[in-house]
C-alpha atoms as a PDB file:
ATOM      1  CA  UNK A   1      87.755  57.541 119.226  1.00  0.00           C
ATOM      2  CA  UNK A   2      90.603  58.527 121.695  1.00  0.00           C
ATOM      3  CA  UNK A   3      92.104  61.947 121.607  1.00  0.00           C
ATOM      4  CA  UNK A   4      95.421  60.511 120.217  1.00  0.00           C
ATOM      5  CA  UNK A   5      93.739  58.925 117.321  1.00  0.00           C
ATOM      6  CA  UNK A   6      91.986  62.238 116.658  1.00  0.00           C
ATOM      7  CA  UNK A   7      95.441  63.852 116.545  1.00  0.00           C
ATOM      8  CA  UNK A   8      96.922  61.278 114.358  1.00  0.00           C
ATOM      9  CA  UNK A   9      93.889  61.254 111.833  1.00  0.00           C
ATOM     10  CA  UNK A  10      94.832  62.827 108.490  1.00  0.00           C
ATOM     11  CA  UNK A  11      93.785  66.312 108.185  1.00  0.00           C
ATOM     12  CA  UNK A  12      92.259  67.532 105.109  1.00  0.00           C
ATOM     13  CA  UNK A  13      93.404  70.834 103.789  1.00  0.00           C
ATOM     14  CA  UNK A  14      90.869  73.508 103.389  1.00  0.00           C
ATOM     15  CA  UNK A  15      90.697  75.132  99.944  1.00  0.00           C
ATOM     16  CA  UNK A  16      92.432  78.539 100.166  1.00  0.00           C
ATOM     17  CA  UNK A  17      90.279  81.524 100.750  1.00  0.00           C
ATOM     18  CA  UNK A  18      90.409  83.435  97.587  1.00  0.00           C
ATOM     19  CA  UNK A  19      89.907  87.388  97.425  1.00  0.00           C
ATOM     20  CA  UNK A  20      86.743  88.888  96.086  1.00  0.00           C
ATOM     21  CA  UNK A  21      86.571  88.914  92.335  1.00  0.00           C
ATOM     22  CA  UNK A  22      85.137  92.209  91.036  1.00  0.00           C
ATOM     23  CA  UNK A  23      83.108  92.699  87.677  1.00  0.00           C
ATOM     24  CA  UNK A  24      84.161  95.077  84.992  1.00  0.00           C
ATOM     25  CA  UNK A  25      81.193  97.533  85.943  1.00  0.00           C
ATOM     26  CA  UNK A  26      82.686  97.589  89.661  1.00  0.00           C
ATOM     27  CA  UNK A  27      86.175  98.178  88.335  1.00  0.00           C
ATOM     28  CA  UNK A  28      85.036 100.978  86.464  1.00  0.00           C
ATOM     29  CA  UNK A  29      83.306 102.375  89.123  1.00  0.00           C
ATOM     30  CA  UNK A  30      86.306 102.348  91.782  1.00  0.00           C
ATOM     31  CA  UNK A  31      88.666 103.700  88.882  1.00  0.00           C
ATOM     32  CA  UNK A  32      86.363 106.528  88.395  1.00  0.00           C
ATOM     33  CA  UNK A  33      86.524 107.747  92.017  1.00  0.00           C
ATOM     34  CA  UNK A  34      90.135 106.997  92.575  1.00  0.00           C
ATOM     35  CA  UNK A  35      92.600 110.110  92.878  1.00  0.00           C
ATOM     36  CA  UNK A  36      95.226 109.794  89.995  1.00  0.00           C
ATOM     37  CA  UNK A  37      98.012 108.402  92.066  1.00  0.00           C
ATOM     38  CA  UNK A  38      96.049 105.643  93.245  1.00  0.00           C
ATOM     39  CA  UNK A  39      94.250 105.102  89.944  1.00  0.00           C
ATOM     40  CA  UNK A  40      97.972 104.548  88.676  1.00  0.00           C
ATOM     41  CA  UNK A  41      98.401 101.756  91.304  1.00  0.00           C
ATOM     42  CA  UNK A  42      94.957 100.109  90.187  1.00  0.00           C
ATOM     43  CA  UNK A  43      96.359 100.009  86.572  1.00  0.00           C
ATOM     44  CA  UNK A  44      99.403  98.445  87.674  1.00  0.00           C
ATOM     45  CA  UNK A  45      97.254  95.748  89.572  1.00  0.00           C
ATOM     46  CA  UNK A  46      95.103  95.146  86.713  1.00  0.00           C
ATOM     47  CA  UNK A  47      98.204  94.824  84.487  1.00  0.00           C
ATOM     48  CA  UNK A  48      99.802  91.971  86.445  1.00  0.00           C
ATOM     49  CA  UNK A  49     101.795  93.730  89.199  1.00  0.00           C
ATOM     50  CA  UNK A  50     100.889  92.007  92.533  1.00  0.00           C
ATOM     51  CA  UNK A  51     100.062  94.079  95.472  1.00  0.00           C
ATOM     52  CA  UNK A  52     103.495  92.930  96.919  1.00  0.00           C
ATOM     53  CA  UNK A  53     105.400  93.912  94.147  1.00  0.00           C
ATOM     54  CA  UNK A  54     104.080  97.553  94.210  1.00  0.00           C
ATOM     55  CA  UNK A  55     106.711  98.334  97.007  1.00  0.00           C
ATOM     56  CA  UNK A  56     109.545  96.965  94.560  1.00  0.00           C
ATOM     57  CA  UNK A  57     108.870  99.675  91.961  1.00  0.00           C
ATOM     58  CA  UNK A  58     111.196 102.336  91.396  1.00  0.00           C
ATOM     59  CA  UNK A  59     111.146 105.223  88.732  1.00  0.00           C
ATOM     60  CA  UNK A  60     113.781 102.830  86.822  1.00  0.00           C
ATOM     61  CA  UNK A  61     111.111 100.210  86.759  1.00  0.00           C
ATOM     62  CA  UNK A  62     109.239 101.965  84.046  1.00  0.00           C
ATOM     63  CA  UNK A  63     110.368 101.945  80.369  1.00  0.00           C
ATOM     64  CA  UNK A  64     108.132 104.396  78.421  1.00  0.00           C
ATOM     65  CA  UNK A  65     109.550 103.667  75.199  1.00  0.00           C
ATOM     66  CA  UNK A  66     108.605  99.956  75.222  1.00  0.00           C
ATOM     67  CA  UNK A  67     105.346 100.600  77.571  1.00  0.00           C
ATOM     68  CA  UNK A  68     106.781  98.167  79.985  1.00  0.00           C
ATOM     69  CA  UNK A  69     107.096  97.685  83.822  1.00  0.00           C
ATOM     70  CA  UNK A  70     110.186  95.799  84.879  1.00  0.00           C
ATOM     71  CA  UNK A  71     109.794  93.882  88.064  1.00  0.00           C
ATOM     72  CA  UNK A  72     112.804  92.588  90.164  1.00  0.00           C
ATOM     73  CA  UNK A  73     112.574  90.480  93.279  1.00  0.00           C
ATOM     74  CA  UNK A  74     112.118  86.657  93.677  1.00  0.00           C
ATOM     75  CA  UNK A  75     110.248  86.744  90.082  1.00  0.00           C
ATOM     76  CA  UNK A  76     111.663  89.171  87.958  1.00  0.00           C
ATOM     77  CA  UNK A  77     109.618  89.809  84.601  1.00  0.00           C
ATOM     78  CA  UNK A  78     108.778  92.364  82.424  1.00  0.00           C
ATOM     79  CA  UNK A  79     105.199  93.344  81.947  1.00  0.00           C
ATOM     80  CA  UNK A  80     104.354  94.987  78.582  1.00  0.00           C
ATOM     81  CA  UNK A  81     101.400  97.304  78.873  1.00  0.00           C
ATOM     82  CA  UNK A  82      99.260  98.232  75.782  1.00  0.00           C
ATOM     83  CA  UNK A  83      99.326 101.710  74.445  1.00  0.00           C
ATOM     84  CA  UNK A  84      95.735 103.051  75.875  1.00  0.00           C
ATOM     85  CA  UNK A  85      96.588 101.604  79.359  1.00  0.00           C
ATOM     86  CA  UNK A  86     100.108 102.894  79.287  1.00  0.00           C
ATOM     87  CA  UNK A  87      98.660 106.264  78.379  1.00  0.00           C
ATOM     88  CA  UNK A  88      96.317 106.115  81.295  1.00  0.00           C
ATOM     89  CA  UNK A  89      99.121 105.117  83.687  1.00  0.00           C
ATOM     90  CA  UNK A  90     101.137 107.836  82.441  1.00  0.00           C
ATOM     91  CA  UNK A  91      98.450 110.643  82.884  1.00  0.00           C
ATOM     92  CA  UNK A  92      98.063 109.761  86.566  1.00  0.00           C
ATOM     93  CA  UNK A  93     101.516 111.085  87.206  1.00  0.00           C
ATOM     94  CA  UNK A  94     102.627 107.959  89.047  1.00  0.00           C
ATOM     95  CA  UNK A  95     105.668 107.433  86.856  1.00  0.00           C
ATOM     96  CA  UNK A  96     106.937 110.649  88.470  1.00  0.00           C
ATOM     97  CA  UNK A  97     105.431 110.197  92.163  1.00  0.00           C
ATOM     98  CA  UNK A  98     107.471 108.999  95.061  1.00  0.00           C
ATOM     99  CA  UNK A  99     106.717 105.389  94.904  1.00  0.00           C
ATOM    100  CA  UNK A 100     106.791 104.845  98.450  1.00  0.00           C
ATOM    101  CA  UNK A 101     103.111 104.620  99.060  1.00  0.00           C
ATOM    102  CA  UNK A 102     102.267 101.788 101.523  1.00  0.00           C
ATOM    103  CA  UNK A 103     100.058  98.867 100.565  1.00  0.00           C
ATOM    104  CA  UNK A 104      98.009  99.892 103.459  1.00  0.00           C
ATOM    105  CA  UNK A 105      97.378 103.302 102.033  1.00  0.00           C
ATOM    106  CA  UNK A 106      96.519 102.040  98.674  1.00  0.00           C
ATOM    107  CA  UNK A 107      93.969  99.487 100.426  1.00  0.00           C
ATOM    108  CA  UNK A 108      92.314 102.309 102.195  1.00  0.00           C
ATOM    109  CA  UNK A 109      92.114 104.435  99.030  1.00  0.00           C
ATOM    110  CA  UNK A 110      90.649 101.430  97.019  1.00  0.00           C
ATOM    111  CA  UNK A 111      88.107 100.506  99.823  1.00  0.00           C
ATOM    112  CA  UNK A 112      87.148 104.239 100.109  1.00  0.00           C
ATOM    113  CA  UNK A 113      86.554 104.461  96.238  1.00  0.00           C
ATOM    114  CA  UNK A 114      84.398 101.116  96.472  1.00  0.00           C
ATOM    115  CA  UNK A 115      82.345 102.505  99.353  1.00  0.00           C
ATOM    116  CA  UNK A 116      82.042 105.802  97.404  1.00  0.00           C
ATOM    117  CA  UNK A 117      80.745 103.741  94.412  1.00  0.00           C
ATOM    118  CA  UNK A 118      78.337 101.864  96.781  1.00  0.00           C
ATOM    119  CA  UNK A 119      79.726  98.480  95.690  1.00  0.00           C
ATOM    120  CA  UNK A 120      78.863  95.395  97.479  1.00  0.00           C
ATOM    121  CA  UNK A 121      81.411  94.513 100.288  1.00  0.00           C
ATOM    122  CA  UNK A 122      83.564  97.493  99.885  1.00  0.00           C
ATOM    123  CA  UNK A 123      86.060  96.360 102.535  1.00  0.00           C
ATOM    124  CA  UNK A 124      86.828  93.699 100.214  1.00  0.00           C
ATOM    125  CA  UNK A 125      87.572  95.842  97.358  1.00  0.00           C
ATOM    126  CA  UNK A 126      91.321  95.926  98.003  1.00  0.00           C
ATOM    127  CA  UNK A 127      94.735  95.751  95.977  1.00  0.00           C
ATOM    128  CA  UNK A 128      94.530  91.964  96.291  1.00  0.00           C
ATOM    129  CA  UNK A 129      90.954  91.879  95.093  1.00  0.00           C
ATOM    130  CA  UNK A 130      92.008  94.040  92.189  1.00  0.00           C
ATOM    131  CA  UNK A 131      94.944  91.820  91.343  1.00  0.00           C
ATOM    132  CA  UNK A 132      92.940  88.614  91.759  1.00  0.00           C
ATOM    133  CA  UNK A 133      90.393  90.000  89.421  1.00  0.00           C
ATOM    134  CA  UNK A 134      92.863  90.449  86.835  1.00  0.00           C
ATOM    135  CA  UNK A 135      94.253  86.851  87.516  1.00  0.00           C
ATOM    136  CA  UNK A 136      90.850  85.468  86.926  1.00  0.00           C
ATOM    137  CA  UNK A 137      90.247  87.523  83.783  1.00  0.00           C
ATOM    138  CA  UNK A 138      93.463  85.879  82.481  1.00  0.00           C
ATOM    139  CA  UNK A 139      92.464  82.301  83.494  1.00  0.00           C
ATOM    140  CA  UNK A 140      88.910  82.943  81.880  1.00  0.00           C
ATOM    141  CA  UNK A 141      90.552  83.433  78.580  1.00  0.00           C
ATOM    142  CA  UNK A 142      92.293  80.210  78.926  1.00  0.00           C
ATOM    143  CA  UNK A 143      95.757  81.269  80.106  1.00  0.00           C
ATOM    144  CA  UNK A 144      97.892  78.258  81.038  1.00  0.00           C
ATOM    145  CA  UNK A 145     100.232  78.235  84.006  1.00  0.00           C
ATOM    146  CA  UNK A 146     103.166  79.396  82.070  1.00  0.00           C
ATOM    147  CA  UNK A 147     101.473  82.335  80.473  1.00  0.00           C
ATOM    148  CA  UNK A 148     100.030  83.024  84.013  1.00  0.00           C
ATOM    149  CA  UNK A 149     103.431  83.218  85.861  1.00  0.00           C
ATOM    150  CA  UNK A 150     105.004  85.420  83.063  1.00  0.00           C
ATOM    151  CA  UNK A 151     102.172  87.882  83.415  1.00  0.00           C
ATOM    152  CA  UNK A 152     101.359  87.876  87.246  1.00  0.00           C
ATOM    153  CA  UNK A 153     104.429  86.109  88.815  1.00  0.00           C
ATOM    154  CA  UNK A 154     104.014  83.067  90.771  1.00  0.00           C
ATOM    155  CA  UNK A 155     100.910  81.735  92.611  1.00  0.00           C
ATOM    156  CA  UNK A 156     100.919  79.251  95.263  1.00  0.00           C
ATOM    157  CA  UNK A 157     100.214  75.753  93.623  1.00  0.00           C
ATOM    158  CA  UNK A 158      97.362  75.102  95.930  1.00  0.00           C
ATOM    159  CA  UNK A 159      95.606  78.590  94.979  1.00  0.00           C
ATOM    160  CA  UNK A 160      96.634  77.982  91.183  1.00  0.00           C
ATOM    161  CA  UNK A 161      95.050  74.602  91.274  1.00  0.00           C
ATOM    162  CA  UNK A 162      91.793  75.993  92.621  1.00  0.00           C
ATOM    163  CA  UNK A 163      91.867  79.117  90.372  1.00  0.00           C
ATOM    164  CA  UNK A 164      92.556  76.793  87.312  1.00  0.00           C
ATOM    165  CA  UNK A 165      89.298  74.967  87.749  1.00  0.00           C
ATOM    166  CA  UNK A 166      87.734  77.776  85.979  1.00  0.00           C
ATOM    167  CA  UNK A 167      89.999  77.428  82.975  1.00  0.00           C
ATOM    168  CA  UNK A 168      88.373  76.552  79.752  1.00  0.00           C
ATOM    169  CA  UNK A 169      89.194  73.327  78.213  1.00  0.00           C
ATOM    170  CA  UNK A 170      91.827  74.606  75.717  1.00  0.00           C
ATOM    171  CA  UNK A 171      94.592  76.574  77.229  1.00  0.00           C
ATOM    172  CA  UNK A 172      96.244  79.406  75.319  1.00  0.00           C
ATOM    173  CA  UNK A 173      99.847  80.631  75.638  1.00  0.00           C
ATOM    174  CA  UNK A 174      98.732  84.331  74.556  1.00  0.00           C
ATOM    175  CA  UNK A 175      95.597  85.431  76.399  1.00  0.00           C
ATOM    176  CA  UNK A 176      94.591  89.267  75.607  1.00  0.00           C
ATOM    177  CA  UNK A 177      96.714  90.960  78.651  1.00  0.00           C
ATOM    178  CA  UNK A 178      94.615  94.130  78.630  1.00  0.00           C
ATOM    179  CA  UNK A 179      91.874  94.190  81.299  1.00  0.00           C
ATOM    180  CA  UNK A 180      88.583  95.706  79.819  1.00  0.00           C
ATOM    181  CA  UNK A 181      88.791  98.879  81.930  1.00  0.00           C
ATOM    182  CA  UNK A 182      92.143  99.767  80.639  1.00  0.00           C
ATOM    183  CA  UNK A 183      91.504  99.555  76.853  1.00  0.00           C
ATOM    184  CA  UNK A 184      90.330 103.073  76.375  1.00  0.00           C
ATOM    185  CA  UNK A 185      92.554 106.094  77.155  1.00  0.00           C
END
């Protein structure tokens, strides 16, 4: 085979490298070790706000009356948050903090909490892993692609295809949006 032939050969796309999925007990252990502000960020990630959307949040993003987070940006949407999870979020003080914490600082705090909790691979227990854990939680309930996009925003097609392999046979348009760790205040 000549070098030119090798260059012209069709390349098989590698499946996307997905973040680490955390178990409910691991999420609980991390949440227990986070400072309130960072617990608030974790609550948002476990409610559908992507790591990259955290920087778009302003105090006006939070609607306390509706228990909802309004996201702007490329994929605007409103995320309703169940009462207990909203109370948990409000109790962190995040709604009144300056929301300029960098994703790097959030990741650092999450990784530190994972290390304190003695989780496996703490360096992979970051904001993207928490958000991915939430996405997989919805998919395992049978969330279809439309319900998923409404809750967590857009997911690249190649990643969505790989994630949807875990979907039950029957899709549902209305999965339970509250991650188990957020069900009690």
